[in-house]
């Protein structure tokens, strides 16, 4: 059995959206850095105590 290879890429609209969302993404990363918090990517993140 041969595994098929699949490649995905963004459309021009997707690339434009990435460019549009880059500034808020940088702002969020900088805010996390300033506050000394780490990214949390699990379902219980909202329930975690805040310092």
N, C-alpha and C. Protein backbone atom coordinates (compact mmCIF):
# COMPACT_ATOMS: atom_id res chain seq x y z
N UNK A 1 0.84 -1.19 0.00
CA UNK A 1 0.00 0.00 0.00
C UNK A 1 0.88 1.24 0.00
N UNK A 2 0.58 2.17 -0.87
CA UNK A 2 1.34 3.41 -0.99
C UNK A 2 0.52 4.55 -0.40
N UNK A 3 1.14 5.27 0.52
CA UNK A 3 0.47 6.44 1.11
C UNK A 3 0.51 7.58 0.11
N UNK A 4 -0.65 8.16 -0.14
CA UNK A 4 -0.72 9.27 -1.08
C UNK A 4 -0.22 10.55 -0.42
N UNK A 5 0.43 11.36 -1.18
CA UNK A 5 0.92 12.63 -0.69
C UNK A 5 -0.09 13.71 -1.05
N UNK A 6 -0.41 14.55 -0.06
CA UNK A 6 -1.35 15.65 -0.27
C UNK A 6 -0.66 16.94 0.15
N UNK A 7 -0.73 17.94 -0.68
CA UNK A 7 -0.17 19.25 -0.35
C UNK A 7 -1.28 20.28 -0.33
N UNK A 8 -1.24 21.12 0.68
CA UNK A 8 -2.22 22.19 0.81
C UNK A 8 -1.49 23.52 0.70
N UNK A 9 -2.18 24.51 0.19
CA UNK A 9 -1.60 25.85 0.15
C UNK A 9 -2.74 26.86 0.24
N UNK A 10 -2.40 28.03 0.70
CA UNK A 10 -3.39 29.10 0.81
C UNK A 10 -3.69 29.69 -0.56
N UNK A 11 -4.91 30.12 -0.72
CA UNK A 11 -5.28 30.87 -1.92
C UNK A 11 -4.80 32.30 -1.75
N UNK A 12 -4.94 33.09 -2.76
CA UNK A 12 -4.59 34.52 -2.67
C UNK A 12 -5.40 35.19 -1.57
N UNK A 13 -6.67 34.81 -1.42
CA UNK A 13 -7.51 35.38 -0.36
C UNK A 13 -6.98 34.98 1.02
N UNK A 14 -6.55 33.73 1.15
CA UNK A 14 -5.98 33.27 2.41
C UNK A 14 -4.70 34.00 2.76
N UNK A 15 -3.84 34.23 1.78
CA UNK A 15 -2.60 34.98 2.03
C UNK A 15 -2.93 36.41 2.44
N UNK A 16 -3.92 37.02 1.79
CA UNK A 16 -4.31 38.39 2.15
C UNK A 16 -4.85 38.43 3.58
N UNK A 17 -5.62 37.42 3.97
CA UNK A 17 -6.15 37.37 5.33
C UNK A 17 -5.01 37.21 6.34
N UNK A 18 -4.02 36.38 6.02
CA UNK A 18 -2.87 36.23 6.91
C UNK A 18 -2.17 37.58 7.12
N UNK A 19 -2.00 38.32 6.05
CA UNK A 19 -1.36 39.64 6.16
C UNK A 19 -2.20 40.58 7.03
N UNK A 20 -3.51 40.51 6.87
CA UNK A 20 -4.41 41.37 7.64
C UNK A 20 -4.38 41.03 9.12
N UNK A 21 -4.26 39.74 9.45
CA UNK A 21 -4.29 39.31 10.85
C UNK A 21 -2.92 39.34 11.53
N UNK A 22 -1.87 39.62 10.79
CA UNK A 22 -0.53 39.64 11.38
C UNK A 22 -0.38 40.69 12.48
N UNK A 23 -0.84 41.93 12.31
CA UNK A 23 -0.67 42.92 13.39
C UNK A 23 -1.35 42.52 14.71
N UNK A 24 -2.62 42.04 14.70
CA UNK A 24 -3.19 41.59 15.98
C UNK A 24 -2.44 40.40 16.57
N UNK A 25 -1.91 39.53 15.71
CA UNK A 25 -1.13 38.40 16.19
C UNK A 25 0.14 38.86 16.89
N UNK A 26 0.82 39.84 16.30
CA UNK A 26 2.03 40.39 16.94
C UNK A 26 1.68 41.07 18.25
N UNK A 27 0.55 41.80 18.28
CA UNK A 27 0.12 42.46 19.49
C UNK A 27 -0.12 41.44 20.60
N UNK A 28 -0.81 40.35 20.28
CA UNK A 28 -1.08 39.32 21.27
C UNK A 28 0.19 38.65 21.77
N UNK A 29 1.11 38.35 20.87
CA UNK A 29 2.38 37.75 21.29
C UNK A 29 3.16 38.69 22.20
N UNK A 30 3.17 39.97 21.85
CA UNK A 30 3.88 40.96 22.68
C UNK A 30 3.21 41.09 24.05
N UNK A 31 1.90 41.06 24.09
CA UNK A 31 1.18 41.15 25.38
C UNK A 31 1.53 39.95 26.26
N UNK A 32 1.55 38.77 25.68
CA UNK A 32 1.92 37.57 26.44
C UNK A 32 3.34 37.71 26.97
N UNK A 33 4.25 38.21 26.13
CA UNK A 33 5.64 38.40 26.56
C UNK A 33 5.73 39.41 27.70
N UNK A 34 5.01 40.53 27.57
CA UNK A 34 5.04 41.58 28.60
C UNK A 34 4.52 41.05 29.93
N UNK A 35 3.47 40.27 29.89
CA UNK A 35 2.85 39.79 31.12
C UNK A 35 3.51 38.52 31.65
N UNK A 36 4.47 37.98 30.90
CA UNK A 36 5.18 36.80 31.36
C UNK A 36 4.35 35.54 31.37
N UNK A 37 3.33 35.51 30.56
CA UNK A 37 2.47 34.32 30.50
C UNK A 37 2.89 33.45 29.34
N UNK A 38 2.61 32.18 29.47
CA UNK A 38 2.90 31.25 28.39
C UNK A 38 1.61 30.91 27.66
N UNK A 39 1.75 30.54 26.41
CA UNK A 39 0.59 30.12 25.64
C UNK A 39 0.04 28.82 26.20
N UNK A 40 -1.27 28.73 26.26
CA UNK A 40 -1.93 27.53 26.74
C UNK A 40 -2.88 27.09 25.64
N UNK A 41 -2.81 25.82 25.25
CA UNK A 41 -3.64 25.38 24.14
C UNK A 41 -4.44 24.12 24.49
N UNK A 42 -5.10 24.16 25.63
CA UNK A 42 -5.91 23.01 25.99
C UNK A 42 -7.29 23.47 26.48
N UNK A 43 -8.22 22.56 26.56
CA UNK A 43 -9.62 22.89 26.87
C UNK A 43 -9.79 23.52 28.24
N UNK A 44 -8.92 23.22 29.19
CA UNK A 44 -9.08 23.74 30.55
C UNK A 44 -8.41 25.09 30.77
N UNK A 45 -7.92 25.73 29.72
CA UNK A 45 -7.18 26.99 29.86
C UNK A 45 -8.01 28.06 30.57
N UNK A 46 -9.30 28.15 30.27
CA UNK A 46 -10.14 29.18 30.88
C UNK A 46 -10.30 28.98 32.38
N UNK A 47 -10.16 27.76 32.85
CA UNK A 47 -10.34 27.46 34.28
C UNK A 47 -9.05 27.64 35.08
N UNK A 48 -7.94 27.90 34.41
CA UNK A 48 -6.68 28.03 35.12
C UNK A 48 -6.63 29.31 35.92
N UNK A 49 -6.05 29.27 37.13
CA UNK A 49 -5.94 30.47 37.94
C UNK A 49 -5.01 31.50 37.28
N UNK A 50 -5.34 32.74 37.44
CA UNK A 50 -4.52 33.82 36.90
C UNK A 50 -3.70 34.43 38.03
N UNK A 51 -2.44 34.75 37.77
CA UNK A 51 -1.62 35.37 38.82
C UNK A 51 -2.08 36.76 39.19
